[in-house]
């Protein structure tokens, strides 16, 4: 017989949200910086 204890890790959720925001910011910056180059070829 065993006992399983589950504990919610609030920090993990915060890290995921931070990662998501950083990823979105990088993608947005990439779109803005490449838009003039892409527009040249369209």
Protein backbone atom coordinates (compact mmCIF):
# COMPACT_ATOMS: atom_id res chain seq x y z
CA UNK A 1 0.00 0.00 0.00
CA UNK A 2 1.26 3.49 -0.79
CA UNK A 3 0.16 7.07 -0.40
CA UNK A 4 0.43 9.55 -3.26
CA UNK A 5 0.48 13.26 -2.49
CA UNK A 6 -0.02 15.74 -5.28
CA UNK A 7 1.14 19.29 -4.88
CA UNK A 8 0.43 22.08 -7.34
CA UNK A 9 3.56 23.98 -8.26
CA UNK A 10 2.60 27.64 -8.77
CA UNK A 11 6.09 28.54 -9.97
CA UNK A 12 5.85 26.12 -12.92
CA UNK A 13 2.72 27.88 -14.12
CA UNK A 14 4.44 31.27 -13.84
CA UNK A 15 7.44 29.98 -15.79
CA UNK A 16 5.20 28.71 -18.57
CA UNK A 17 3.43 32.09 -18.78
CA UNK A 18 6.77 33.91 -18.86
CA UNK A 19 8.03 31.60 -21.60
CA UNK A 20 4.83 32.15 -23.59
CA UNK A 21 5.17 35.95 -23.33
CA UNK A 22 8.83 35.82 -24.37
CA UNK A 23 8.03 33.59 -27.34
CA UNK A 24 5.24 35.91 -28.47
CA UNK A 25 7.51 38.95 -28.15
CA UNK A 26 10.25 37.29 -30.20
CA UNK A 27 7.79 36.27 -32.92
CA UNK A 28 6.30 39.78 -33.05
CA UNK A 29 9.75 41.34 -33.32
CA UNK A 30 10.67 38.90 -36.07
CA UNK A 31 7.52 39.75 -38.03
CA UNK A 32 8.18 43.49 -37.74
CA UNK A 33 11.84 43.28 -38.69
CA UNK A 34 11.24 40.99 -41.67
CA UNK A 35 8.11 42.68 -43.03
CA UNK A 36 9.96 45.21 -45.21
CA UNK A 37 12.16 42.45 -46.68
CA UNK A 38 9.16 40.23 -47.42
CA UNK A 39 7.24 43.17 -48.93
CA UNK A 40 10.06 43.66 -51.46
CA UNK A 41 9.48 40.19 -52.93
CA UNK A 42 5.70 40.13 -52.85
